[in-house]
Amino acid sequence: QVQLVESGGGLVQPGGSLRLSCAASGSILSINTMAWYRQAPGKERDLVASITSGGGTNYADSVKGRFTISRDNAKNTVYLQMNSLQSEDTAVYYCKVDAAEYKRPWFMSYWGQGAQVTVSS
């Protein structure tokens, strides 16, 4: 089983910055796409950003130019650098990793436990 551990959430003032991290562990054979989603109270979980194994990135329009997704393949870790944060960015942020294990050599999606990000003065 692949485990994901998120860190880096918290409370920040409007205009501030935060960096989220999500580290995958277990008997991992390969990792394909890594992504961040967010879910605000009463709303659906939406894609924020994704990054392929080759480094190709995709962003939601609402975060383009403010957020940057990156990954460290040696550490099986994905990051989300969030700058110029706004109150509308308040949500629980979840990482999702498409990974294959040695004993199950096909890709499955795994989710992190979620990290609260609150933007408020």
PDB file of N, CA and C in Angstrom:
ATOM      1  N   GLN A   1       0.840  -1.191   0.000  1.00  0.00           N
ATOM      2  CA  GLN A   1       0.000   0.000   0.000  1.00  0.00           C
ATOM      3  C   GLN A   1       0.880   1.247   0.000  1.00  0.00           C
ATOM      4  N   VAL A   2       0.504   2.214  -0.802  1.00  0.00           N
ATOM      5  CA  VAL A   2       1.225   3.476  -0.856  1.00  0.00           C
ATOM      6  C   VAL A   2       0.638   4.427   0.176  1.00  0.00           C
ATOM      7  N   GLN A   3       1.491   5.042   0.954  1.00  0.00           N
ATOM      8  CA  GLN A   3       1.044   6.032   1.934  1.00  0.00           C
ATOM      9  C   GLN A   3       1.491   7.420   1.490  1.00  0.00           C
ATOM     10  N   LEU A   4       0.607   8.386   1.706  1.00  0.00           N
ATOM     11  CA  LEU A   4       0.903   9.780   1.391  1.00  0.00           C
ATOM     12  C   LEU A   4       0.802  10.606   2.674  1.00  0.00           C
ATOM     13  N   VAL A   5       1.795  11.410   2.917  1.00  0.00           N
ATOM     14  CA  VAL A   5       1.792  12.292   4.088  1.00  0.00           C
ATOM     15  C   VAL A   5       1.963  13.720   3.611  1.00  0.00           C
ATOM     16  N   GLU A   6       0.963  14.545   3.941  1.00  0.00           N
ATOM     17  CA  GLU A   6       0.979  15.952   3.566  1.00  0.00           C
ATOM     18  C   GLU A   6       1.466  16.804   4.727  1.00  0.00           C
ATOM     19  N   SER A   7       2.077  17.927   4.395  1.00  0.00           N
ATOM     20  CA  SER A   7       2.489  18.883   5.413  1.00  0.00           C
ATOM     21  C   SER A   7       2.530  20.282   4.812  1.00  0.00           C
ATOM     22  N   GLY A   8       2.515  21.299   5.693  1.00  0.00           N
ATOM     23  CA  GLY A   8       2.706  22.669   5.235  1.00  0.00           C
ATOM     24  C   GLY A   8       1.479  23.550   5.255  1.00  0.00           C
ATOM     25  N   GLY A   9       0.331  23.033   5.627  1.00  0.00           N
ATOM     26  CA  GLY A   9      -0.849  23.884   5.686  1.00  0.00           C
ATOM     27  C   GLY A   9      -0.792  24.825   6.870  1.00  0.00           C
ATOM     28  N   GLY A  10      -1.790  25.703   6.958  1.00  0.00           N
ATOM     29  CA  GLY A  10      -1.847  26.621   8.079  1.00  0.00           C
ATOM     30  C   GLY A  10      -2.645  27.865   7.791  1.00  0.00           C
ATOM     31  N   LEU A  11      -2.477  28.846   8.657  1.00  0.00           N
ATOM     32  CA  LEU A  11      -3.176  30.133   8.549  1.00  0.00           C
ATOM     33  C   LEU A  11      -2.208  31.172   8.007  1.00  0.00           C
ATOM     34  N   VAL A  12      -2.659  31.929   7.016  1.00  0.00           N
ATOM     35  CA  VAL A  12      -1.803  32.952   6.412  1.00  0.00           C
ATOM     36  C   VAL A  12      -2.667  34.159   6.064  1.00  0.00           C
ATOM     37  N   GLN A  13      -2.076  35.328   6.098  1.00  0.00           N
ATOM     38  CA  GLN A  13      -2.800  36.547   5.751  1.00  0.00           C
ATOM     39  C   GLN A  13      -2.916  36.679   4.235  1.00  0.00           C
ATOM     40  N   PRO A  14      -3.922  37.406   3.762  1.00  0.00           N
ATOM     41  CA  PRO A  14      -4.027  37.653   2.322  1.00  0.00           C
ATOM     42  C   PRO A  14      -2.741  38.260   1.773  1.00  0.00           C
ATOM     43  N   GLY A  15      -2.317  37.749   0.621  1.00  0.00           N
ATOM     44  CA  GLY A  15      -1.068  38.183   0.022  1.00  0.00           C
ATOM     45  C   GLY A  15       0.132  37.365   0.443  1.00  0.00           C
ATOM     46  N   GLY A  16      -0.048  36.495   1.418  1.00  0.00           N
ATOM     47  CA  GLY A  16       1.047  35.687   1.920  1.00  0.00           C
ATOM     48  C   GLY A  16       1.296  34.436   1.086  1.00  0.00           C
ATOM     49  N   SER A  17       2.231  33.627   1.572  1.00  0.00           N
ATOM     50  CA  SER A  17       2.650  32.423   0.858  1.00  0.00           C
ATOM     51  C   SER A  17       2.678  31.220   1.789  1.00  0.00           C
ATOM     52  N   LEU A  18       2.474  30.055   1.196  1.00  0.00           N
ATOM     53  CA  LEU A  18       2.616  28.773   1.885  1.00  0.00           C
ATOM     54  C   LEU A  18       3.153  27.765   0.884  1.00  0.00           C
ATOM     55  N   ARG A  19       3.830  26.743   1.398  1.00  0.00           N
ATOM     56  CA  ARG A  19       4.264  25.639   0.552  1.00  0.00           C
ATOM     57  C   ARG A  19       3.769  24.335   1.141  1.00  0.00           C
ATOM     58  N   LEU A  20       3.046  23.581   0.336  1.00  0.00           N
ATOM     59  CA  LEU A  20       2.572  22.263   0.737  1.00  0.00           C
ATOM     60  C   LEU A  20       3.519  21.196   0.188  1.00  0.00           C
ATOM     61  N   SER A  21       3.662  20.131   0.977  1.00  0.00           N
ATOM     62  CA  SER A  21       4.469  18.988   0.549  1.00  0.00           C
ATOM     63  C   SER A  21       3.640  17.718   0.698  1.00  0.00           C
ATOM     64  N   CYS A  22       3.899  16.755  -0.147  1.00  0.00           N
ATOM     65  CA  CYS A  22       3.225  15.457  -0.069  1.00  0.00           C
ATOM     66  C   CYS A  22       4.244  14.398  -0.427  1.00  0.00           C
ATOM     67  N   ALA A  23       4.587  13.568   0.549  1.00  0.00           N
ATOM     68  CA  ALA A  23       5.599  12.527   0.351  1.00  0.00           C
ATOM     69  C   ALA A  23       4.933  11.165   0.273  1.00  0.00           C
ATOM     70  N   ALA A  24       5.288  10.419  -0.763  1.00  0.00           N
ATOM     71  CA  ALA A  24       4.757   9.067  -0.949  1.00  0.00           C
ATOM     72  C   ALA A  24       5.782   8.043  -0.470  1.00  0.00           C
ATOM     73  N   SER A  25       5.276   7.000   0.198  1.00  0.00           N
ATOM     74  CA  SER A  25       6.164   5.944   0.675  1.00  0.00           C
ATOM     75  C   SER A  25       5.494   4.588   0.493  1.00  0.00           C
ATOM     76  N   GLY A  26       6.299   3.523   0.609  1.00  0.00           N
ATOM     77  CA  GLY A  26       5.806   2.175   0.405  1.00  0.00           C
ATOM     78  C   GLY A  26       6.656   1.476  -0.635  1.00  0.00           C
ATOM     79  N   SER A  27       6.212   0.338  -1.080  1.00  0.00           N
ATOM     80  CA  SER A  27       6.975  -0.427  -2.077  1.00  0.00           C
ATOM     81  C   SER A  27       6.603   0.068  -3.480  1.00  0.00           C
ATOM     82  N   ILE A  28       7.065   1.279  -3.773  1.00  0.00           N
ATOM     83  CA  ILE A  28       6.682   1.960  -5.001  1.00  0.00           C
ATOM     84  C   ILE A  28       7.559   1.538  -6.166  1.00  0.00           C
ATOM     85  N   LEU A  29       6.911   1.104  -7.221  1.00  0.00           N
ATOM     86  CA  LEU A  29       7.621   0.739  -8.444  1.00  0.00           C
ATOM     87  C   LEU A  29       7.793   1.952  -9.339  1.00  0.00           C
ATOM     88  N   SER A  30       6.721   2.717  -9.480  1.00  0.00           N
ATOM     89  CA  SER A  30       6.754   3.867 -10.367  1.00  0.00           C
ATOM     90  C   SER A  30       5.641   4.833  -9.990  1.00  0.00           C
ATOM     91  N   ILE A  31       5.886   6.128 -10.234  1.00  0.00           N
ATOM     92  CA  ILE A  31       4.880   7.164 -10.014  1.00  0.00           C
ATOM     93  C   ILE A  31       4.658   7.900 -11.315  1.00  0.00           C
ATOM     94  N   ASN A  32       3.407   8.066 -11.669  1.00  0.00           N
ATOM     95  CA  ASN A  32       3.062   8.785 -12.889  1.00  0.00           C
ATOM     96  C   ASN A  32       2.685  10.210 -12.500  1.00  0.00           C
ATOM     97  N   THR A  33       1.444  10.591 -12.720  1.00  0.00           N
ATOM     98  CA  THR A  33       1.028  11.962 -12.428  1.00  0.00           C
ATOM     99  C   THR A  33       0.854  12.190 -10.931  1.00  0.00           C
ATOM    100  N   MET A  34       1.283  13.363 -10.470  1.00  0.00           N
ATOM    101  CA  MET A  34       1.064  13.819  -9.099  1.00  0.00           C
ATOM    102  C   MET A  34       0.252  15.109  -9.183  1.00  0.00           C
ATOM    103  N   ALA A  35      -0.663  15.298  -8.252  1.00  0.00           N
ATOM    104  CA  ALA A  35      -1.565  16.443  -8.380  1.00  0.00           C
ATOM    105  C   ALA A  35      -2.016  16.951  -7.020  1.00  0.00           C
ATOM    106  N   TRP A  36      -2.498  18.187  -7.033  1.00  0.00           N
ATOM    107  CA  TRP A  36      -3.125  18.794  -5.866  1.00  0.00           C
ATOM    108  C   TRP A  36      -4.566  19.152  -6.205  1.00  0.00           C
ATOM    109  N   TYR A  37      -5.459  18.830  -5.294  1.00  0.00           N
ATOM    110  CA  TYR A  37      -6.862  19.202  -5.387  1.00  0.00           C
ATOM    111  C   TYR A  37      -7.201  20.023  -4.136  1.00  0.00           C
ATOM    112  N   ARG A  38      -8.311  20.712  -4.175  1.00  0.00           N
ATOM    113  CA  ARG A  38      -8.785  21.410  -2.981  1.00  0.00           C
ATOM    114  C   ARG A  38     -10.299  21.342  -2.904  1.00  0.00           C
ATOM    115  N   GLN A  39     -10.765  21.413  -1.674  1.00  0.00           N
ATOM    116  CA  GLN A  39     -12.212  21.356  -1.430  1.00  0.00           C
ATOM    117  C   GLN A  39     -12.561  22.384  -0.365  1.00  0.00           C
ATOM    118  N   ALA A  40     -13.355  23.348  -0.754  1.00  0.00           N
ATOM    119  CA  ALA A  40     -13.857  24.357   0.178  1.00  0.00           C
ATOM    120  C   ALA A  40     -15.166  23.853   0.773  1.00  0.00           C
ATOM    121  N   PRO A  41     -15.565  24.377   1.937  1.00  0.00           N
ATOM    122  CA  PRO A  41     -16.814  23.938   2.583  1.00  0.00           C
ATOM    123  C   PRO A  41     -18.014  24.076   1.647  1.00  0.00           C
ATOM    124  N   GLY A  42     -18.763  22.990   1.509  1.00  0.00           N
ATOM    125  CA  GLY A  42     -19.962  23.017   0.686  1.00  0.00           C
ATOM    126  C   GLY A  42     -19.725  22.943  -0.805  1.00  0.00           C
ATOM    127  N   LYS A  43     -18.464  22.740  -1.207  1.00  0.00           N
ATOM    128  CA  LYS A  43     -18.141  22.694  -2.629  1.00  0.00           C
ATOM    129  C   LYS A  43     -17.499  21.357  -2.985  1.00  0.00           C
ATOM    130  N   GLU A  44     -17.406  21.110  -4.286  1.00  0.00           N
ATOM    131  CA  GLU A  44     -16.784  19.888  -4.755  1.00  0.00           C
ATOM    132  C   GLU A  44     -15.266  19.993  -4.686  1.00  0.00           C
ATOM    133  N   ARG A  45     -14.617  18.844  -4.737  1.00  0.00           N
ATOM    134  CA  ARG A  45     -13.161  18.806  -4.780  1.00  0.00           C
ATOM    135  C   ARG A  45     -12.712  19.091  -6.225  1.00  0.00           C
ATOM    136  N   ASP A  46     -11.887  20.093  -6.383  1.00  0.00           N
ATOM    137  CA  ASP A  46     -11.452  20.527  -7.710  1.00  0.00           C
ATOM    138  C   ASP A  46      -9.947  20.409  -7.874  1.00  0.00           C
ATOM    139  N   LEU A  47      -9.538  20.168  -9.106  1.00  0.00           N
ATOM    140  CA  LEU A  47      -8.120  20.117  -9.428  1.00  0.00           C
ATOM    141  C   LEU A  47      -7.501  21.505  -9.324  1.00  0.00           C
ATOM    142  N   VAL A  48      -6.370  21.594  -8.651  1.00  0.00           N
ATOM    143  CA  VAL A  48      -5.622  22.846  -8.560  1.00  0.00           C
ATOM    144  C   VAL A  48      -4.455  22.830  -9.552  1.00  0.00           C
ATOM    145  N   ALA A  49      -3.675  21.754  -9.514  1.00  0.00           N
ATOM    146  CA  ALA A  49      -2.514  21.654 -10.399  1.00  0.00           C
ATOM    147  C   ALA A  49      -2.080  20.198 -10.488  1.00  0.00           C
ATOM    148  N   SER A  50      -1.451  19.854 -11.609  1.00  0.00           N
ATOM    149  CA  SER A  50      -0.927  18.506 -11.768  1.00  0.00           C
ATOM    150  C   SER A  50       0.418  18.568 -12.480  1.00  0.00           C
ATOM    151  N   ILE A  51       1.202  17.496 -12.289  1.00  0.00           N
ATOM    152  CA  ILE A  51       2.513  17.416 -12.930  1.00  0.00           C
ATOM    153  C   ILE A  51       2.763  15.960 -13.328  1.00  0.00           C
ATOM    154  N   THR A  52       3.160  15.764 -14.571  1.00  0.00           N
ATOM    155  CA  THR A  52       3.413  14.419 -15.069  1.00  0.00           C
ATOM    156  C   THR A  52       4.823  13.958 -14.685  1.00  0.00           C
ATOM    157  N   SER A  53       5.105  12.708 -14.956  1.00  0.00           N
ATOM    158  CA  SER A  53       6.428  12.174 -14.659  1.00  0.00           C
ATOM    159  C   SER A  53       7.505  12.879 -15.477  1.00  0.00           C
ATOM    160  N   GLY A  54       7.117  13.408 -16.609  1.00  0.00           N
ATOM    161  CA  GLY A  54       8.069  14.130 -17.453  1.00  0.00           C
ATOM    162  C   GLY A  54       8.185  15.600 -17.128  1.00  0.00           C
ATOM    163  N   GLY A  55       7.398  16.067 -16.165  1.00  0.00           N
ATOM    164  CA  GLY A  55       7.494  17.453 -15.739  1.00  0.00           C
ATOM    165  C   GLY A  55       6.469  18.384 -16.360  1.00  0.00           C
ATOM    166  N   GLY A  56       5.588  17.871 -17.186  1.00  0.00           N
ATOM    167  CA  GLY A  56       4.537  18.705 -17.746  1.00  0.00           C
ATOM    168  C   GLY A  56       3.535  19.110 -16.690  1.00  0.00           C
ATOM    169  N   THR A  57       3.130  20.371 -16.706  1.00  0.00           N
ATOM    170  CA  THR A  57       2.244  20.888 -15.667  1.00  0.00           C
ATOM    171  C   THR A  57       0.941  21.405 -16.237  1.00  0.00           C
ATOM    172  N   ASN A  58      -0.053  21.429 -15.360  1.00  0.00           N
ATOM    173  CA  ASN A  58      -1.380  21.929 -15.712  1.00  0.00           C
ATOM    174  C   ASN A  58      -1.936  22.629 -14.482  1.00  0.00           C
ATOM    175  N   TYR A  59      -2.575  23.799 -14.681  1.00  0.00           N
ATOM    176  CA  TYR A  59      -3.094  24.583 -13.564  1.00  0.00           C
ATOM    177  C   TYR A  59      -4.536  24.991 -13.797  1.00  0.00           C
ATOM    178  N   ALA A  60      -5.282  25.086 -12.715  1.00  0.00           N
ATOM    179  CA  ALA A  60      -6.596  25.708 -12.783  1.00  0.00           C
ATOM    180  C   ALA A  60      -6.408  27.185 -13.099  1.00  0.00           C
ATOM    181  N   ASP A  61      -7.346  27.744 -13.855  1.00  0.00           N
ATOM    182  CA  ASP A  61      -7.227  29.154 -14.242  1.00  0.00           C
ATOM    183  C   ASP A  61      -7.112  30.073 -13.029  1.00  0.00           C
ATOM    184  N   SER A  62      -7.791  29.713 -11.948  1.00  0.00           N
ATOM    185  CA  SER A  62      -7.842  30.580 -10.767  1.00  0.00           C
ATOM    186  C   SER A  62      -6.498  30.702 -10.053  1.00  0.00           C
ATOM    187  N   VAL A  63      -5.557  29.792 -10.333  1.00  0.00           N
ATOM    188  CA  VAL A  63      -4.275  29.825  -9.610  1.00  0.00           C
ATOM    189  C   VAL A  63      -3.088  30.093 -10.531  1.00  0.00           C
ATOM    190  N   LYS A  64      -3.340  30.184 -11.828  1.00  0.00           N
ATOM    191  CA  LYS A  64      -2.241  30.415 -12.778  1.00  0.00           C
ATOM    192  C   LYS A  64      -1.508  31.707 -12.436  1.00  0.00           C
ATOM    193  N   GLY A  65      -0.185  31.625 -12.432  1.00  0.00           N
ATOM    194  CA  GLY A  65       0.641  32.784 -12.118  1.00  0.00           C
ATOM    195  C   GLY A  65       0.871  32.989 -10.629  1.00  0.00           C
ATOM    196  N   ARG A  66       0.144  32.274  -9.785  1.00  0.00           N
ATOM    197  CA  ARG A  66       0.307  32.397  -8.329  1.00  0.00           C
ATOM    198  C   ARG A  66       0.837  31.127  -7.689  1.00  0.00           C
ATOM    199  N   PHE A  67       0.419  29.984  -8.192  1.00  0.00           N
ATOM    200  CA  PHE A  67       0.825  28.696  -7.629  1.00  0.00           C
ATOM    201  C   PHE A  67       1.799  27.998  -8.579  1.00  0.00           C
ATOM    202  N   THR A  68       2.722  27.234  -7.988  1.00  0.00           N
ATOM    203  CA  THR A  68       3.665  26.454  -8.778  1.00  0.00           C
ATOM    204  C   THR A  68       3.752  25.048  -8.210  1.00  0.00           C
ATOM    205  N   ILE A  69       3.533  24.064  -9.073  1.00  0.00           N
ATOM    206  CA  ILE A  69       3.661  22.671  -8.669  1.00  0.00           C
ATOM    207  C   ILE A  69       5.022  22.159  -9.133  1.00  0.00           C
ATOM    208  N   SER A  70       5.647  21.340  -8.300  1.00  0.00           N
ATOM    209  CA  SER A  70       6.937  20.743  -8.654  1.00  0.00           C
ATOM    210  C   SER A  70       7.038  19.377  -7.978  1.00  0.00           C
ATOM    211  N   ARG A  71       8.010  18.599  -8.386  1.00  0.00           N
ATOM    212  CA  ARG A  71       8.184  17.277  -7.806  1.00  0.00           C
ATOM    213  C   ARG A  71       9.662  16.935  -7.711  1.00  0.00           C
ATOM    214  N   ASP A  72       9.979  16.098  -6.724  1.00  0.00           N
ATOM    215  CA  ASP A  72      11.316  15.555  -6.555  1.00  0.00           C
ATOM    216  C   ASP A  72      11.173  14.044  -6.689  1.00  0.00           C
ATOM    217  N   ASN A  73      11.541  13.519  -7.833  1.00  0.00           N
ATOM    218  CA  ASN A  73      11.328  12.096  -8.091  1.00  0.00           C
ATOM    219  C   ASN A  73      12.179  11.210  -7.186  1.00  0.00           C
ATOM    220  N   ALA A  74      13.337  11.688  -6.786  1.00  0.00           N
ATOM    221  CA  ALA A  74      14.197  10.897  -5.902  1.00  0.00           C
ATOM    222  C   ALA A  74      13.567  10.727  -4.526  1.00  0.00           C
ATOM    223  N   LYS A  75      12.740  11.695  -4.141  1.00  0.00           N
ATOM    224  CA  LYS A  75      12.092  11.660  -2.821  1.00  0.00           C
ATOM    225  C   LYS A  75      10.616  11.277  -2.910  1.00  0.00           C
ATOM    226  N   ASN A  76      10.124  11.003  -4.122  1.00  0.00           N
ATOM    227  CA  ASN A  76       8.702  10.675  -4.313  1.00  0.00           C
ATOM    228  C   ASN A  76       7.800  11.729  -3.670  1.00  0.00           C
ATOM    229  N   THR A  77       8.151  12.975  -3.873  1.00  0.00           N
ATOM    230  CA  THR A  77       7.468  14.083  -3.204  1.00  0.00           C
ATOM    231  C   THR A  77       7.007  15.114  -4.219  1.00  0.00           C
ATOM    232  N   VAL A  78       5.807  15.632  -3.977  1.00  0.00           N
ATOM    233  CA  VAL A  78       5.264  16.712  -4.797  1.00  0.00           C
ATOM    234  C   VAL A  78       5.045  17.925  -3.910  1.00  0.00           C
ATOM    235  N   TYR A  79       5.270  19.097  -4.479  1.00  0.00           N
ATOM    236  CA  TYR A  79       5.148  20.356  -3.744  1.00  0.00           C
ATOM    237  C   TYR A  79       4.143  21.270  -4.427  1.00  0.00           C
ATOM    238  N   LEU A  80       3.559  22.167  -3.636  1.00  0.00           N
ATOM    239  CA  LEU A  80       2.726  23.225  -4.188  1.00  0.00           C
ATOM    240  C   LEU A  80       3.131  24.525  -3.506  1.00  0.00           C
ATOM    241  N   GLN A  81       3.803  25.372  -4.252  1.00  0.00           N
ATOM    242  CA  GLN A  81       4.152  26.692  -3.751  1.00  0.00           C
ATOM    243  C   GLN A  81       3.009  27.647  -4.065  1.00  0.00           C
ATOM    244  N   MET A  82       2.450  28.238  -3.038  1.00  0.00           N
ATOM    245  CA  MET A  82       1.285  29.111  -3.190  1.00  0.00           C
ATOM    246  C   MET A  82       1.662  30.530  -2.783  1.00  0.00           C
ATOM    247  N   ASN A  83       1.622  31.439  -3.729  1.00  0.00           N
ATOM    248  CA  ASN A  83       1.936  32.847  -3.474  1.00  0.00           C
ATOM    249  C   ASN A  83       0.701  33.704  -3.698  1.00  0.00           C
ATOM    250  N   SER A  84       0.755  34.926  -3.203  1.00  0.00           N
ATOM    251  CA  SER A  84      -0.354  35.876  -3.367  1.00  0.00           C
ATOM    252  C   SER A  84      -1.684  35.233  -2.997  1.00  0.00           C
ATOM    253  N   LEU A  85      -1.704  34.591  -1.853  1.00  0.00           N
ATOM    254  CA  LEU A  85      -2.903  33.866  -1.436  1.00  0.00           C
ATOM    255  C   LEU A  85      -4.060  34.825  -1.167  1.00  0.00           C
ATOM    256  N   GLN A  86      -5.255  34.359  -1.517  1.00  0.00           N
ATOM    257  CA  GLN A  86      -6.478  35.134  -1.360  1.00  0.00           C
ATOM    258  C   GLN A  86      -7.450  34.339  -0.500  1.00  0.00           C
ATOM    259  N   SER A  87      -8.452  35.020   0.020  1.00  0.00           N
ATOM    260  CA  SER A  87      -9.428  34.331   0.879  1.00  0.00           C
ATOM    261  C   SER A  87     -10.117  33.195   0.123  1.00  0.00           C
ATOM    262  N   GLU A  88     -10.271  33.366  -1.196  1.00  0.00           N
ATOM    263  CA  GLU A  88     -10.923  32.319  -1.994  1.00  0.00           C
ATOM    264  C   GLU A  88     -10.090  31.043  -2.087  1.00  0.00           C
ATOM    265  N   ASP A  89      -8.836  31.104  -1.686  1.00  0.00           N
ATOM    266  CA  ASP A  89      -7.982  29.915  -1.698  1.00  0.00           C
ATOM    267  C   ASP A  89      -8.162  29.058  -0.444  1.00  0.00           C
ATOM    268  N   THR A  90      -8.935  29.541   0.511  1.00  0.00           N
ATOM    269  CA  THR A  90      -9.191  28.783   1.730  1.00  0.00           C
ATOM    270  C   THR A  90      -9.898  27.477   1.402  1.00  0.00           C
ATOM    271  N   ALA A  91      -9.307  26.371   1.830  1.00  0.00           N
ATOM    272  CA  ALA A  91      -9.851  25.053   1.522  1.00  0.00           C
ATOM    273  C   ALA A  91      -8.975  23.992   2.190  1.00  0.00           C
ATOM    274  N   VAL A  92      -9.443  22.761   2.124  1.00  0.00           N
ATOM    275  CA  VAL A  92      -8.589  21.623   2.458  1.00  0.00           C
ATOM    276  C   VAL A  92      -7.933  21.163   1.160  1.00  0.00           C
ATOM    277  N   TYR A  93      -6.611  21.057   1.191  1.00  0.00           N
ATOM    278  CA  TYR A  93      -5.848  20.678   0.014  1.00  0.00           C
ATOM    279  C   TYR A  93      -5.425  19.209   0.127  1.00  0.00           C
ATOM    280  N   TYR A  94      -5.692  18.475  -0.939  1.00  0.00           N
ATOM    281  CA  TYR A  94      -5.383  17.050  -0.982  1.00  0.00           C
ATOM    282  C   TYR A  94      -4.388  16.767  -2.115  1.00  0.00           C
ATOM    283  N   CYS A  95      -3.405  15.942  -1.845  1.00  0.00           N
ATOM    284  CA  CYS A  95      -2.552  15.485  -2.931  1.00  0.00           C
ATOM    285  C   CYS A  95      -3.086  14.137  -3.443  1.00  0.00           C
ATOM    286  N   LYS A  96      -2.871  13.917  -4.729  1.00  0.00           N
ATOM    287  CA  LYS A  96      -3.240  12.645  -5.358  1.00  0.00           C
ATOM    288  C   LYS A  96      -2.060  12.172  -6.177  1.00  0.00           C
ATOM    289  N   VAL A  97      -1.735  10.912  -5.999  1.00  0.00           N
ATOM    290  CA  VAL A  97      -0.581  10.335  -6.683  1.00  0.00           C
ATOM    291  C   VAL A  97      -1.016   9.062  -7.401  1.00  0.00           C
ATOM    292  N   ASP A  98      -0.670   8.946  -8.668  1.00  0.00           N
ATOM    293  CA  ASP A  98      -0.911   7.729  -9.438  1.00  0.00           C
ATOM    294  C   ASP A  98       0.363   6.896  -9.383  1.00  0.00           C
ATOM    295  N   ALA A  99       0.294   5.781  -8.669  1.00  0.00           N
ATOM    296  CA  ALA A  99       1.496   4.997  -8.412  1.00  0.00           C
ATOM    297  C   ALA A  99       1.254   3.515  -8.646  1.00  0.00           C
ATOM    298  N   ALA A 100       2.338   2.824  -9.000  1.00  0.00           N
ATOM    299  CA  ALA A 100       2.312   1.374  -9.127  1.00  0.00           C
ATOM    300  C   ALA A 100       3.256   0.774  -8.091  1.00  0.00           C
ATOM    301  N   GLU A 101       2.844  -0.313  -7.495  1.00  0.00           N
ATOM    302  CA  GLU A 101       3.661  -1.004  -6.508  1.00  0.00           C
ATOM    303  C   GLU A 101       4.317  -2.225  -7.133  1.00  0.00           C
ATOM    304  N   TYR A 102       5.369  -2.715  -6.463  1.00  0.00           N
ATOM    305  CA  TYR A 102       6.056  -3.910  -6.962  1.00  0.00           C
ATOM    306  C   TYR A 102       5.118  -5.116  -6.987  1.00  0.00           C
ATOM    307  N   LYS A 103       4.282  -5.248  -5.950  1.00  0.00           N
ATOM    308  CA  LYS A 103       3.411  -6.426  -5.885  1.00  0.00           C
ATOM    309  C   LYS A 103       2.109  -6.217  -6.657  1.00  0.00           C
ATOM    310  N   ARG A 104       1.831  -4.977  -7.045  1.00  0.00           N
ATOM    311  CA  ARG A 104       0.660  -4.663  -7.885  1.00  0.00           C
ATOM    312  C   ARG A 104       1.133  -3.698  -8.963  1.00  0.00           C
ATOM    313  N   PRO A 105       1.749  -4.239 -10.004  1.00  0.00           N
ATOM    314  CA  PRO A 105       2.434  -3.386 -10.998  1.00  0.00           C
ATOM    315  C   PRO A 105       1.503  -2.719 -11.993  1.00  0.00           C
ATOM    316  N   TRP A 106       0.437  -2.100 -11.511  1.00  0.00           N
ATOM    317  CA  TRP A 106      -0.438  -1.281 -12.344  1.00  0.00           C
ATOM    318  C   TRP A 106      -0.744  -0.027 -11.562  1.00  0.00           C
ATOM    319  N   PHE A 107      -1.090   1.046 -12.285  1.00  0.00           N
ATOM    320  CA  PHE A 107      -1.267   2.329 -11.621  1.00  0.00           C
ATOM    321  C   PHE A 107      -2.614   2.421 -10.916  1.00  0.00           C
ATOM    322  N   MET A 108      -2.557   2.909  -9.699  1.00  0.00           N
ATOM    323  CA  MET A 108      -3.743   3.209  -8.908  1.00  0.00           C
ATOM    324  C   MET A 108      -3.588   4.613  -8.338  1.00  0.00           C
ATOM    325  N   SER A 109      -4.715   5.239  -8.024  1.00  0.00           N
ATOM    326  CA  SER A 109      -4.687   6.584  -7.434  1.00  0.00           C
ATOM    327  C   SER A 109      -4.752   6.506  -5.921  1.00  0.00           C
ATOM    328  N   TYR A 110      -3.889   7.277  -5.284  1.00  0.00           N
ATOM    329  CA  TYR A 110      -3.852   7.360  -3.827  1.00  0.00           C
ATOM    330  C   TYR A 110      -4.024   8.814  -3.414  1.00  0.00           C
ATOM    331  N   TRP A 111      -4.716   9.019  -2.270  1.00  0.00           N
ATOM    332  CA  TRP A 111      -4.999  10.369  -1.784  1.00  0.00           C
ATOM    333  C   TRP A 111      -4.317  10.612  -0.445  1.00  0.00           C
ATOM    334  N   GLY A 112      -3.866  11.854  -0.253  1.00  0.00           N
ATOM    335  CA  GLY A 112      -3.363  12.259   1.042  1.00  0.00           C
ATOM    336  C   GLY A 112      -4.494  12.538   2.005  1.00  0.00           C
ATOM    337  N   GLN A 113      -4.120  12.827   3.267  1.00  0.00           N
ATOM    338  CA  GLN A 113      -5.118  13.005   4.322  1.00  0.00           C
ATOM    339  C   GLN A 113      -5.743  14.393   4.309  1.00  0.00           C
ATOM    340  N   GLY A 114      -5.150  15.305   3.575  1.00  0.00           N
ATOM    341  CA  GLY A 114      -5.679  16.663   3.504  1.00  0.00           C
ATOM    342  C   GLY A 114      -4.944  17.617   4.426  1.00  0.00           C
ATOM    343  N   ALA A 115      -4.760  18.841   3.959  1.00  0.00           N
ATOM    344  CA  ALA A 115      -4.107  19.887   4.745  1.00  0.00           C
ATOM    345  C   ALA A 115      -4.952  21.151   4.667  1.00  0.00           C
ATOM    346  N   GLN A 116      -5.301  21.681   5.826  1.00  0.00           N
ATOM    347  CA  GLN A 116      -6.139  22.890   5.854  1.00  0.00           C
ATOM    348  C   GLN A 116      -5.292  24.120   5.521  1.00  0.00           C
ATOM    349  N   VAL A 117      -5.758  24.905   4.584  1.00  0.00           N
ATOM    350  CA  VAL A 117      -5.165  26.201   4.274  1.00  0.00           C
ATOM    351  C   VAL A 117      -6.234  27.255   4.499  1.00  0.00           C
ATOM    352  N   THR A 118      -5.947  28.179   5.386  1.00  0.00           N
ATOM    353  CA  THR A 118      -6.888  29.258   5.701  1.00  0.00           C
ATOM    354  C   THR A 118      -6.214  30.591   5.428  1.00  0.00           C
ATOM    355  N   VAL A 119      -6.847  31.391   4.590  1.00  0.00           N
ATOM    356  CA  VAL A 119      -6.326  32.712   4.252  1.00  0.00           C
ATOM    357  C   VAL A 119      -7.259  33.743   4.869  1.00  0.00           C
ATOM    358  N   SER A 120      -6.762  34.434   5.871  1.00  0.00           N
ATOM    359  CA  SER A 120      -7.606  35.376   6.605  1.00  0.00           C
ATOM    360  C   SER A 120      -6.746  36.403   7.316  1.00  0.00           C
ATOM    361  N   SER A 121      -7.284  37.608   7.436  1.00  0.00           N
ATOM    362  CA  SER A 121      -6.586  38.646   8.182  1.00  0.00           C
ATOM    363  C   SER A 121      -7.051  38.675   9.634  1.00  0.00           C
TER     364      SER A 121
END
